[in-house]
Amino acid sequence: MKKAIDRTDALLLLNKSRTDEIVVSVYQAATTWSNLSKSKLDYTFTGAMGQASSHALGLAVGRPDKKIIVLDGDGSLLMNLGSLVTIGNIKPNNLIHCVCVNEIYETNGSIPIPGYKEGLFSNIAKTAGYEKCYSINDLNEWGKLIPIILKNKKLTFIELHLKPGKKKFKDNFKQLYSTEKRNVFIESLKRN
C-alpha cells in the first residue's frame, strides 16, 4: 500500500463540509460514518456487499433535488462493477461515488484485494462514463476537493486511498439496522 489517509480523518473532513446531502455508507465506512455523523439523512447498510452504488443510484434518480454521496468500499465495488456502467450511462449529476480503497476485504478478515493497481477504479469509472474522476491519497488534497465536489453538478467518482485496520469504532450492526434508524431516514426523505 502506498500513501494513504486515516479513514476517520478523511470522513471527519467530509462530515464537517456536508450540509443536507444524503450519505449512503457500507461496511467499515458505515461504522466510522455512523459515529461521526448524526444526520437523519444517513443511509447505512452492510448486508448486501456490492450494492452501495445501486442503492445510491436509486436515491439519485428518485431525489434529483438532493446530492447523494456513497461511501463504498473497494471490495464491495468489486462485487458489482457492472453498476459503474449503469451509473455512467444514466449520468445522475447529483451523485458522488466515493470508493474507500484500502486494498483489502477488511470486514472479512483483511484478505488482500487481488490484482489491485493504483488508479484502477477511477480509470474504470472514467471509461464507464463518470464525468469527473479523482484518485486521492493526501488529506490536504482531499480537504481542498470536498467543497468542489459538493458544488459540482457532474457525475463524480473518487478513489480515496485509506489506511487499513486500526478500528477506532466498534461495529454496531444492531444500531445500523435498527427499525428506528430506518424510519427516521424514511421520514427525513419525505420532509427534506
N, C-alpha and C. Protein backbone atom coordinates (compact mmCIF):
# COMPACT_ATOMS: atom_id res chain seq x y z
N MET A 1 0.85 -1.18 0.00
CA MET A 1 0.00 0.00 0.00
C MET A 1 0.89 1.24 0.00
N LYS A 2 0.54 2.16 -0.83
CA LYS A 2 1.29 3.41 -0.93
C LYS A 2 0.71 4.43 0.04
N LYS A 3 0.97 5.68 -0.21
CA LYS A 3 0.49 6.76 0.66
C LYS A 3 -1.04 6.67 0.80
N ALA A 4 -1.51 6.85 2.03
CA ALA A 4 -2.95 6.74 2.29
C ALA A 4 -3.32 7.62 3.48
N ILE A 5 -4.62 7.81 3.65
CA ILE A 5 -5.19 8.70 4.67
C ILE A 5 -5.87 7.85 5.74
N ASP A 6 -5.86 8.31 6.97
CA ASP A 6 -6.62 7.68 8.03
C ASP A 6 -8.12 7.83 7.72
N ARG A 7 -8.86 6.73 7.81
CA ARG A 7 -10.29 6.75 7.45
C ARG A 7 -11.08 7.76 8.28
N THR A 8 -10.85 7.78 9.58
CA THR A 8 -11.58 8.72 10.43
C THR A 8 -11.28 10.16 10.04
N ASP A 9 -10.02 10.47 9.80
CA ASP A 9 -9.65 11.84 9.39
C ASP A 9 -10.34 12.23 8.09
N ALA A 10 -10.35 11.31 7.13
CA ALA A 10 -10.96 11.59 5.82
C ALA A 10 -12.46 11.82 5.94
N LEU A 11 -13.13 10.96 6.69
CA LEU A 11 -14.59 11.08 6.81
C LEU A 11 -14.98 12.25 7.72
N LEU A 12 -14.14 12.58 8.67
CA LEU A 12 -14.40 13.74 9.52
C LEU A 12 -14.39 15.02 8.69
N LEU A 13 -13.44 15.13 7.76
CA LEU A 13 -13.40 16.30 6.87
C LEU A 13 -14.67 16.39 6.02
N LEU A 14 -15.10 15.26 5.48
CA LEU A 14 -16.32 15.24 4.67
C LEU A 14 -17.52 15.64 5.52
N ASN A 15 -17.61 15.10 6.71
CA ASN A 15 -18.74 15.40 7.59
C ASN A 15 -18.79 16.88 7.97
N LYS A 16 -17.65 17.50 8.16
CA LYS A 16 -17.61 18.93 8.50
C LYS A 16 -18.12 19.81 7.36
N SER A 17 -17.94 19.36 6.12
CA SER A 17 -18.36 20.14 4.95
C SER A 17 -19.77 19.83 4.50
N ARG A 18 -20.28 18.72 4.92
CA ARG A 18 -21.59 18.25 4.49
C ARG A 18 -22.70 19.13 5.07
N THR A 19 -23.74 19.34 4.27
CA THR A 19 -24.89 20.10 4.75
C THR A 19 -26.13 19.20 4.73
N ASP A 20 -26.87 19.18 3.62
CA ASP A 20 -28.09 18.39 3.56
C ASP A 20 -28.00 17.23 2.57
N GLU A 21 -26.79 16.79 2.25
CA GLU A 21 -26.61 15.68 1.32
C GLU A 21 -27.04 14.37 1.99
N ILE A 22 -27.56 13.46 1.18
CA ILE A 22 -27.84 12.10 1.64
C ILE A 22 -26.55 11.31 1.51
N VAL A 23 -26.16 10.60 2.58
CA VAL A 23 -24.93 9.81 2.55
C VAL A 23 -25.29 8.34 2.73
N VAL A 24 -24.89 7.53 1.74
CA VAL A 24 -25.05 6.08 1.76
C VAL A 24 -23.70 5.50 2.12
N SER A 25 -23.62 4.70 3.19
CA SER A 25 -22.33 4.14 3.58
C SER A 25 -22.45 2.65 3.88
N VAL A 26 -21.35 1.94 3.61
CA VAL A 26 -21.32 0.49 3.82
C VAL A 26 -20.07 0.07 4.58
N TYR A 27 -20.18 -1.07 5.24
CA TYR A 27 -19.08 -1.76 5.91
C TYR A 27 -18.27 -0.85 6.81
N GLN A 28 -16.95 -0.85 6.70
CA GLN A 28 -16.13 -0.08 7.65
C GLN A 28 -16.41 1.41 7.55
N ALA A 29 -16.70 1.90 6.36
CA ALA A 29 -17.06 3.32 6.23
C ALA A 29 -18.36 3.60 6.99
N ALA A 30 -19.29 2.65 6.97
CA ALA A 30 -20.56 2.84 7.68
C ALA A 30 -20.34 2.91 9.19
N THR A 31 -19.48 2.05 9.70
CA THR A 31 -19.19 2.07 11.13
C THR A 31 -18.59 3.40 11.54
N THR A 32 -17.59 3.85 10.79
CA THR A 32 -16.95 5.13 11.10
C THR A 32 -17.93 6.28 10.92
N TRP A 33 -18.63 6.29 9.77
CA TRP A 33 -19.55 7.39 9.47
C TRP A 33 -20.64 7.53 10.53
N SER A 34 -21.20 6.41 10.97
CA SER A 34 -22.30 6.48 11.95
C SER A 34 -21.83 7.03 13.29
N ASN A 35 -20.54 6.97 13.56
CA ASN A 35 -20.01 7.56 14.79
C ASN A 35 -19.64 9.03 14.62
N LEU A 36 -19.50 9.49 13.39
CA LEU A 36 -19.14 10.88 13.13
C LEU A 36 -20.34 11.76 12.80
N SER A 37 -21.30 11.20 12.08
CA SER A 37 -22.44 11.97 11.60
C SER A 37 -23.70 11.60 12.37
N LYS A 38 -24.47 12.58 12.70
CA LYS A 38 -25.76 12.35 13.38
C LYS A 38 -26.92 12.83 12.51
N SER A 39 -26.67 12.94 11.21
CA SER A 39 -27.71 13.41 10.30
C SER A 39 -28.79 12.35 10.13
N LYS A 40 -30.01 12.80 9.99
CA LYS A 40 -31.12 11.90 9.73
C LYS A 40 -31.15 11.48 8.26
N LEU A 41 -30.25 12.04 7.45
CA LEU A 41 -30.18 11.69 6.03
C LEU A 41 -29.04 10.72 5.75
N ASP A 42 -28.65 9.94 6.75
CA ASP A 42 -27.63 8.90 6.57
C ASP A 42 -28.32 7.57 6.34
N TYR A 43 -27.88 6.87 5.31
CA TYR A 43 -28.42 5.55 4.97
C TYR A 43 -27.27 4.57 5.04
N THR A 44 -27.25 3.74 6.08
CA THR A 44 -26.16 2.79 6.25
C THR A 44 -26.67 1.37 6.14
N PHE A 45 -25.84 0.52 5.56
CA PHE A 45 -26.16 -0.90 5.50
C PHE A 45 -24.89 -1.68 5.21
N THR A 46 -24.87 -2.93 5.64
CA THR A 46 -23.71 -3.77 5.39
C THR A 46 -24.09 -5.17 4.93
N GLY A 47 -25.33 -5.41 4.71
CA GLY A 47 -25.78 -6.76 4.41
C GLY A 47 -25.79 -7.16 2.95
N ALA A 48 -25.50 -6.25 2.06
CA ALA A 48 -25.58 -6.56 0.62
C ALA A 48 -24.30 -6.07 -0.06
N MET A 49 -23.23 -6.83 0.10
CA MET A 49 -21.94 -6.42 -0.43
C MET A 49 -22.04 -6.16 -1.93
N GLY A 50 -21.59 -4.99 -2.34
CA GLY A 50 -21.60 -4.62 -3.74
C GLY A 50 -22.78 -3.76 -4.15
N GLN A 51 -23.74 -3.58 -3.27
CA GLN A 51 -24.97 -2.89 -3.66
C GLN A 51 -25.03 -1.41 -3.29
N ALA A 52 -23.98 -0.88 -2.67
CA ALA A 52 -23.99 0.53 -2.26
C ALA A 52 -24.24 1.45 -3.45
N SER A 53 -23.53 1.21 -4.54
CA SER A 53 -23.67 2.08 -5.71
C SER A 53 -25.08 1.99 -6.30
N SER A 54 -25.67 0.82 -6.27
CA SER A 54 -27.02 0.65 -6.80
C SER A 54 -28.05 1.36 -5.92
N HIS A 55 -27.90 1.25 -4.61
CA HIS A 55 -28.80 1.97 -3.70
C HIS A 55 -28.67 3.47 -3.91
N ALA A 56 -27.42 3.94 -4.03
CA ALA A 56 -27.18 5.38 -4.24
C ALA A 56 -27.77 5.85 -5.57
N LEU A 57 -27.65 5.03 -6.61
CA LEU A 57 -28.23 5.38 -7.90
C LEU A 57 -29.75 5.55 -7.77
N GLY A 58 -30.40 4.62 -7.08
CA GLY A 58 -31.85 4.72 -6.88
C GLY A 58 -32.23 6.01 -6.17
N LEU A 59 -31.47 6.37 -5.16
CA LEU A 59 -31.73 7.63 -4.45
C LEU A 59 -31.46 8.83 -5.34
N ALA A 60 -30.39 8.79 -6.13
CA ALA A 60 -30.05 9.91 -7.02
C ALA A 60 -31.13 10.14 -8.07
N VAL A 61 -31.66 9.06 -8.62
CA VAL A 61 -32.72 9.17 -9.63
C VAL A 61 -34.04 9.59 -8.97
N GLY A 62 -34.33 9.01 -7.81
CA GLY A 62 -35.58 9.31 -7.11
C GLY A 62 -35.62 10.68 -6.46
N ARG A 63 -34.45 11.21 -6.13
CA ARG A 63 -34.37 12.53 -5.48
C ARG A 63 -33.36 13.41 -6.22
N PRO A 64 -33.68 13.83 -7.44
CA PRO A 64 -32.75 14.65 -8.21
C PRO A 64 -32.47 16.01 -7.58
N ASP A 65 -33.29 16.39 -6.60
CA ASP A 65 -33.10 17.66 -5.89
C ASP A 65 -32.04 17.57 -4.79
N LYS A 66 -31.56 16.37 -4.47
CA LYS A 66 -30.60 16.17 -3.39
C LYS A 66 -29.28 15.64 -3.93
N LYS A 67 -28.19 16.06 -3.33
CA LYS A 67 -26.88 15.49 -3.63
C LYS A 67 -26.77 14.18 -2.85
N ILE A 68 -26.32 13.13 -3.53
CA ILE A 68 -26.16 11.82 -2.92
C ILE A 68 -24.67 11.50 -2.90
N ILE A 69 -24.16 11.13 -1.73
CA ILE A 69 -22.77 10.71 -1.59
C ILE A 69 -22.79 9.25 -1.16
N VAL A 70 -22.10 8.39 -1.90
CA VAL A 70 -21.99 6.99 -1.49
C VAL A 70 -20.56 6.73 -1.05
N LEU A 71 -20.42 6.19 0.16
CA LEU A 71 -19.13 5.78 0.70
C LEU A 71 -19.04 4.27 0.54
N ASP A 72 -18.50 3.87 -0.58
CA ASP A 72 -18.40 2.47 -0.99
C ASP A 72 -17.05 1.92 -0.54
N GLY A 73 -16.88 0.62 -0.62
CA GLY A 73 -15.59 0.00 -0.34
C GLY A 73 -15.02 -0.61 -1.59
N ASP A 74 -13.70 -0.78 -1.64
CA ASP A 74 -13.09 -1.37 -2.83
C ASP A 74 -13.53 -2.82 -3.01
N GLY A 75 -13.55 -3.60 -1.94
CA GLY A 75 -14.02 -4.97 -2.03
C GLY A 75 -15.49 -5.04 -2.39
N SER A 76 -16.26 -4.12 -1.84
CA SER A 76 -17.69 -4.06 -2.13
C SER A 76 -17.94 -3.73 -3.60
N LEU A 77 -17.23 -2.73 -4.12
CA LEU A 77 -17.42 -2.35 -5.52
C LEU A 77 -17.05 -3.49 -6.47
N LEU A 78 -16.01 -4.26 -6.11
CA LEU A 78 -15.63 -5.39 -6.96
C LEU A 78 -16.75 -6.40 -7.12
N MET A 79 -17.66 -6.46 -6.15
CA MET A 79 -18.79 -7.39 -6.23
C MET A 79 -19.86 -6.93 -7.21
N ASN A 80 -19.76 -5.68 -7.69
CA ASN A 80 -20.80 -5.15 -8.57
C ASN A 80 -20.22 -4.10 -9.52
N LEU A 81 -19.14 -4.44 -10.21
CA LEU A 81 -18.52 -3.49 -11.14
C LEU A 81 -19.47 -3.04 -12.24
N GLY A 82 -20.43 -3.89 -12.58
CA GLY A 82 -21.40 -3.54 -13.62
C GLY A 82 -22.21 -2.30 -13.28
N SER A 83 -22.32 -1.99 -12.00
CA SER A 83 -23.08 -0.79 -11.61
C SER A 83 -22.42 0.47 -12.16
N LEU A 84 -21.10 0.46 -12.34
CA LEU A 84 -20.41 1.64 -12.88
C LEU A 84 -20.90 1.96 -14.29
N VAL A 85 -21.11 0.94 -15.09
CA VAL A 85 -21.59 1.15 -16.46
C VAL A 85 -23.02 1.68 -16.45
N THR A 86 -23.86 1.11 -15.60
CA THR A 86 -25.24 1.58 -15.49
C THR A 86 -25.28 3.03 -15.03
N ILE A 87 -24.53 3.35 -13.99
CA ILE A 87 -24.48 4.72 -13.47
C ILE A 87 -23.90 5.66 -14.51
N GLY A 88 -22.82 5.24 -15.18
CA GLY A 88 -22.20 6.07 -16.21
C GLY A 88 -23.12 6.34 -17.38
N ASN A 89 -24.03 5.42 -17.67
CA ASN A 89 -25.00 5.61 -18.75
C ASN A 89 -26.10 6.58 -18.33
N ILE A 90 -26.57 6.46 -17.11
CA ILE A 90 -27.65 7.34 -16.62
C ILE A 90 -27.12 8.74 -16.31
N LYS A 91 -25.90 8.83 -15.82
CA LYS A 91 -25.22 10.10 -15.50
C LYS A 91 -26.01 11.02 -14.55
N PRO A 92 -26.40 10.53 -13.39
CA PRO A 92 -27.06 11.43 -12.45
C PRO A 92 -26.07 12.50 -11.98
N ASN A 93 -26.39 13.76 -12.21
CA ASN A 93 -25.44 14.84 -11.89
C ASN A 93 -25.43 15.19 -10.41
N ASN A 94 -26.18 14.45 -9.62
CA ASN A 94 -26.23 14.69 -8.18
C ASN A 94 -25.58 13.56 -7.38
N LEU A 95 -24.79 12.71 -8.05
CA LEU A 95 -24.18 11.55 -7.39
C LEU A 95 -22.67 11.69 -7.28
N ILE A 96 -22.17 11.52 -6.07
CA ILE A 96 -20.73 11.44 -5.79
C ILE A 96 -20.46 10.03 -5.29
N HIS A 97 -19.67 9.28 -6.05
CA HIS A 97 -19.35 7.90 -5.71
C HIS A 97 -17.92 7.87 -5.16
N CYS A 98 -17.81 7.71 -3.86
CA CYS A 98 -16.50 7.72 -3.19
C CYS A 98 -16.17 6.29 -2.77
N VAL A 99 -15.12 5.72 -3.37
CA VAL A 99 -14.71 4.36 -3.03
C VAL A 99 -13.54 4.43 -2.06
N CYS A 100 -13.74 3.88 -0.89
CA CYS A 100 -12.70 3.83 0.14
C CYS A 100 -11.78 2.65 -0.16
N VAL A 101 -10.59 2.95 -0.65
CA VAL A 101 -9.65 1.93 -1.09
C VAL A 101 -8.62 1.67 0.00
N ASN A 102 -8.64 0.45 0.54
CA ASN A 102 -7.58 0.06 1.47
C ASN A 102 -6.90 -1.24 1.03
N GLU A 103 -7.29 -1.70 -0.15
CA GLU A 103 -6.70 -2.86 -0.82
C GLU A 103 -6.91 -4.18 -0.10
N ILE A 104 -7.90 -4.22 0.80
CA ILE A 104 -8.23 -5.47 1.49
C ILE A 104 -9.75 -5.57 1.67
N TYR A 105 -10.21 -6.81 1.86
CA TYR A 105 -11.58 -7.04 2.30
C TYR A 105 -11.54 -6.97 3.83
N GLU A 106 -11.57 -5.76 4.36
CA GLU A 106 -11.32 -5.54 5.79
C GLU A 106 -12.37 -6.21 6.68
N THR A 107 -13.62 -6.11 6.32
CA THR A 107 -14.68 -6.69 7.12
C THR A 107 -14.59 -8.21 7.16
N ASN A 108 -14.05 -8.80 6.11
CA ASN A 108 -13.99 -10.26 6.00
C ASN A 108 -12.61 -10.82 6.31
N GLY A 109 -11.90 -10.23 7.25
CA GLY A 109 -10.63 -10.80 7.69
C GLY A 109 -9.40 -10.18 7.07
N SER A 110 -9.52 -9.04 6.44
CA SER A 110 -8.38 -8.31 5.85
C SER A 110 -7.66 -9.11 4.76
N ILE A 111 -8.43 -9.81 3.96
CA ILE A 111 -7.88 -10.56 2.82
C ILE A 111 -7.51 -9.56 1.73
N PRO A 112 -6.31 -9.67 1.14
CA PRO A 112 -5.90 -8.70 0.11
C PRO A 112 -6.80 -8.72 -1.13
N ILE A 113 -7.03 -7.55 -1.70
CA ILE A 113 -7.75 -7.43 -2.97
C ILE A 113 -6.79 -7.91 -4.06
N PRO A 114 -7.14 -8.91 -4.84
CA PRO A 114 -6.21 -9.41 -5.86
C PRO A 114 -6.05 -8.46 -7.03
N GLY A 115 -4.81 -8.26 -7.46
CA GLY A 115 -4.53 -7.52 -8.69
C GLY A 115 -4.78 -6.03 -8.65
N TYR A 116 -4.92 -5.45 -7.47
CA TYR A 116 -5.21 -4.02 -7.40
C TYR A 116 -3.99 -3.20 -7.83
N LYS A 117 -4.23 -2.18 -8.64
CA LYS A 117 -3.20 -1.21 -9.03
C LYS A 117 -3.80 0.18 -8.82
N GLU A 118 -2.98 1.12 -8.33
CA GLU A 118 -3.46 2.47 -8.06
C GLU A 118 -4.11 3.08 -9.30
N GLY A 119 -5.26 3.67 -9.12
CA GLY A 119 -5.99 4.28 -10.22
C GLY A 119 -6.95 3.33 -10.91
N LEU A 120 -6.95 2.06 -10.51
CA LEU A 120 -7.80 1.06 -11.16
C LEU A 120 -9.26 1.48 -11.21
N PHE A 121 -9.83 1.82 -10.07
CA PHE A 121 -11.26 2.13 -10.01
C PHE A 121 -11.60 3.44 -10.72
N SER A 122 -10.78 4.47 -10.54
CA SER A 122 -11.08 5.75 -11.20
C SER A 122 -10.96 5.62 -12.72
N ASN A 123 -10.04 4.78 -13.19
CA ASN A 123 -9.93 4.56 -14.64
C ASN A 123 -11.13 3.79 -15.19
N ILE A 124 -11.59 2.80 -14.45
CA ILE A 124 -12.78 2.06 -14.87
C ILE A 124 -13.99 3.00 -14.89
N ALA A 125 -14.13 3.81 -13.84
CA ALA A 125 -15.27 4.75 -13.75
C ALA A 125 -15.25 5.73 -14.92
N LYS A 126 -14.08 6.25 -15.24
CA LYS A 126 -13.97 7.20 -16.35
C LYS A 126 -14.39 6.54 -17.66
N THR A 127 -13.92 5.33 -17.89
CA THR A 127 -14.28 4.59 -19.10
C THR A 127 -15.78 4.28 -19.13
N ALA A 128 -16.36 4.06 -17.95
CA ALA A 128 -17.80 3.74 -17.86
C ALA A 128 -18.69 4.96 -18.05
N GLY A 129 -18.12 6.17 -18.02
CA GLY A 129 -18.93 7.36 -18.28
C GLY A 129 -19.03 8.37 -17.16
N TYR A 130 -18.35 8.13 -16.05
CA TYR A 130 -18.32 9.15 -14.99
C TYR A 130 -17.60 10.37 -15.54
N GLU A 131 -18.13 11.55 -15.23
CA GLU A 131 -17.62 12.78 -15.84
C GLU A 131 -16.42 13.38 -15.12
N LYS A 132 -16.35 13.24 -13.81
CA LYS A 132 -15.22 13.73 -13.02
C LYS A 132 -14.68 12.56 -12.20
N CYS A 133 -13.39 12.26 -12.34
CA CYS A 133 -12.79 11.15 -11.62
C CYS A 133 -11.50 11.60 -10.94
N TYR A 134 -11.34 11.20 -9.69
CA TYR A 134 -10.17 11.59 -8.91
C TYR A 134 -9.61 10.37 -8.18
N SER A 135 -8.30 10.39 -7.96
CA SER A 135 -7.64 9.42 -7.10
C SER A 135 -6.88 10.22 -6.05
N ILE A 136 -7.28 10.08 -4.79
CA ILE A 136 -6.78 10.93 -3.70
C ILE A 136 -6.09 10.08 -2.63
N ASN A 137 -4.88 10.50 -2.23
CA ASN A 137 -4.18 9.80 -1.15
C ASN A 137 -3.55 10.77 -0.14
N ASP A 138 -3.98 12.02 -0.18
CA ASP A 138 -3.42 13.06 0.68
C ASP A 138 -4.56 13.82 1.37
N LEU A 139 -4.48 13.95 2.68
CA LEU A 139 -5.56 14.58 3.44
C LEU A 139 -5.79 16.03 3.04
N ASN A 140 -4.73 16.79 2.82
CA ASN A 140 -4.88 18.20 2.41
C ASN A 140 -5.55 18.30 1.04
N GLU A 141 -5.13 17.44 0.12
CA GLU A 141 -5.73 17.42 -1.21
C GLU A 141 -7.22 17.07 -1.11
N TRP A 142 -7.54 16.10 -0.27
CA TRP A 142 -8.93 15.69 -0.04
C TRP A 142 -9.75 16.86 0.52
N GLY A 143 -9.18 17.56 1.49
CA GLY A 143 -9.86 18.71 2.09
C GLY A 143 -10.16 19.81 1.09
N LYS A 144 -9.26 20.01 0.13
CA LYS A 144 -9.48 21.03 -0.91
C LYS A 144 -10.52 20.56 -1.93
N LEU A 145 -10.59 19.25 -2.17
CA LEU A 145 -11.51 18.72 -3.17
C LEU A 145 -12.96 18.68 -2.68
N ILE A 146 -13.17 18.46 -1.41
CA ILE A 146 -14.53 18.29 -0.88
C ILE A 146 -15.48 19.42 -1.26
N PRO A 147 -15.14 20.70 -1.03
CA PRO A 147 -16.10 21.76 -1.42
C PRO A 147 -16.35 21.81 -2.92
N ILE A 148 -15.36 21.43 -3.70
CA ILE A 148 -15.51 21.42 -5.16
C ILE A 148 -16.53 20.37 -5.57
N ILE A 149 -16.39 19.15 -5.04
CA ILE A 149 -17.30 18.07 -5.45
C ILE A 149 -18.71 18.29 -4.91
N LEU A 150 -18.83 18.94 -3.76
CA LEU A 150 -20.16 19.20 -3.22
C LEU A 150 -20.93 20.22 -4.05
N LYS A 151 -20.23 21.13 -4.71
CA LYS A 151 -20.87 22.13 -5.58
C LYS A 151 -21.02 21.64 -7.02
N ASN A 152 -20.19 20.70 -7.39
CA ASN A 152 -20.14 20.15 -8.74
C ASN A 152 -21.51 19.60 -9.16
N LYS A 153 -21.86 19.77 -10.41
CA LYS A 153 -23.12 19.23 -10.94
C LYS A 153 -22.82 18.20 -12.03
N LYS A 154 -21.83 17.36 -11.78
CA LYS A 154 -21.47 16.29 -12.72
C LYS A 154 -21.31 14.99 -11.94
N LEU A 155 -21.59 13.89 -12.60
CA LEU A 155 -21.39 12.57 -12.01
C LEU A 155 -19.91 12.44 -11.64
N THR A 156 -19.64 12.20 -10.36
CA THR A 156 -18.28 12.25 -9.83
C THR A 156 -17.88 10.94 -9.17
N PHE A 157 -16.62 10.56 -9.37
CA PHE A 157 -16.06 9.35 -8.77
C PHE A 157 -14.76 9.71 -8.06
N ILE A 158 -14.61 9.24 -6.83
CA ILE A 158 -13.37 9.46 -6.08
C ILE A 158 -12.84 8.12 -5.60
N GLU A 159 -11.61 7.85 -5.93
CA GLU A 159 -10.89 6.71 -5.40
C GLU A 159 -10.08 7.26 -4.22
N LEU A 160 -10.57 7.03 -3.01
CA LEU A 160 -9.99 7.61 -1.80
C LEU A 160 -9.15 6.56 -1.09
N HIS A 161 -7.84 6.74 -1.10
CA HIS A 161 -6.91 5.76 -0.53
C HIS A 161 -6.82 5.94 0.98
N LEU A 162 -7.25 4.89 1.70
CA LEU A 162 -7.29 4.93 3.16
C LEU A 162 -6.40 3.85 3.76
N LYS A 163 -5.88 4.13 4.94
CA LYS A 163 -5.07 3.15 5.66
C LYS A 163 -5.98 2.06 6.19
N PRO A 164 -5.57 0.80 6.05
CA PRO A 164 -6.40 -0.30 6.57
C PRO A 164 -6.25 -0.46 8.08
N GLY A 165 -7.22 -1.15 8.66
CA GLY A 165 -7.11 -1.57 10.05
C GLY A 165 -7.25 -0.49 11.08
N LYS A 166 -6.87 -0.85 12.29
CA LYS A 166 -6.91 0.04 13.46
C LYS A 166 -8.27 0.71 13.62
N LYS A 167 -9.29 -0.12 13.82
CA LYS A 167 -10.64 0.41 14.02
C LYS A 167 -10.68 1.31 15.24
N LYS A 168 -11.29 2.46 15.07
CA LYS A 168 -11.47 3.39 16.18
C LYS A 168 -12.86 3.26 16.78
N PHE A 169 -13.75 2.61 16.03
CA PHE A 169 -15.13 2.48 16.49
C PHE A 169 -15.54 1.02 16.42
N LYS A 170 -16.34 0.60 17.37
CA LYS A 170 -16.83 -0.77 17.41
C LYS A 170 -17.97 -0.95 16.41
N ASP A 171 -17.97 -2.09 15.71
CA ASP A 171 -19.09 -2.40 14.82
C ASP A 171 -20.36 -2.54 15.67
N ASN A 172 -21.42 -1.88 15.25
CA ASN A 172 -22.69 -1.95 15.97
C ASN A 172 -23.79 -2.15 14.93
N PHE A 173 -23.87 -3.39 14.44
CA PHE A 173 -24.80 -3.67 13.36
C PHE A 173 -26.26 -3.54 13.79
N LYS A 174 -26.57 -3.81 15.06
CA LYS A 174 -27.95 -3.63 15.54
C LYS A 174 -28.36 -2.17 15.41
N GLN A 175 -27.45 -1.26 15.76
CA GLN A 175 -27.75 0.17 15.66
C GLN A 175 -27.87 0.59 14.20
N LEU A 176 -26.98 0.06 13.34
CA LEU A 176 -27.01 0.42 11.92
C LEU A 176 -28.31 -0.03 11.25
N TYR A 177 -28.86 -1.16 11.72
CA TYR A 177 -30.05 -1.73 11.09
C TYR A 177 -31.33 -1.55 11.90
N SER A 178 -31.31 -0.72 12.90
CA SER A 178 -32.48 -0.60 13.76
C SER A 178 -33.68 -0.08 12.98
N THR A 179 -34.85 -0.56 13.38
CA THR A 179 -36.10 -0.09 12.77
C THR A 179 -36.24 1.41 12.96
N GLU A 180 -35.84 1.89 14.13
CA GLU A 180 -35.93 3.32 14.41
C GLU A 180 -35.07 4.12 13.43
N LYS A 181 -33.85 3.69 13.20
CA LYS A 181 -32.95 4.40 12.27
C LYS A 181 -33.53 4.40 10.86
N ARG A 182 -34.07 3.26 10.43
CA ARG A 182 -34.69 3.17 9.11
C ARG A 182 -35.87 4.12 8.99
N ASN A 183 -36.73 4.14 10.00
CA ASN A 183 -37.90 5.00 9.97
C ASN A 183 -37.53 6.48 9.99
N VAL A 184 -36.51 6.84 10.75
CA VAL A 184 -36.03 8.23 10.79
C VAL A 184 -35.54 8.64 9.40
N PHE A 185 -34.80 7.76 8.72
CA PHE A 185 -34.31 8.05 7.37
C PHE A 185 -35.48 8.25 6.40
N ILE A 186 -36.44 7.36 6.44
CA ILE A 186 -37.60 7.45 5.53
C ILE A 186 -38.36 8.75 5.77
N GLU A 187 -38.62 9.09 7.03
CA GLU A 187 -39.33 10.34 7.34
C GLU A 187 -38.52 11.56 6.92
N SER A 188 -37.20 11.49 7.08
CA SER A 188 -36.34 12.61 6.67
C SER A 188 -36.37 12.81 5.16
N LEU A 189 -36.43 11.72 4.40
CA LEU A 189 -36.55 11.83 2.94
C LEU A 189 -37.85 12.52 2.55
N LYS A 190 -38.90 12.22 3.27
CA LYS A 190 -40.20 12.84 2.97
C LYS A 190 -40.20 14.34 3.27
N ARG A 191 -39.52 14.75 4.33
CA ARG A 191 -39.52 16.15 4.76
C ARG A 191 -38.45 17.00 4.07
N ASN A 192 -37.35 16.42 3.70
CA ASN A 192 -36.22 17.19 3.15
C ASN A 192 -36.12 17.02 1.66
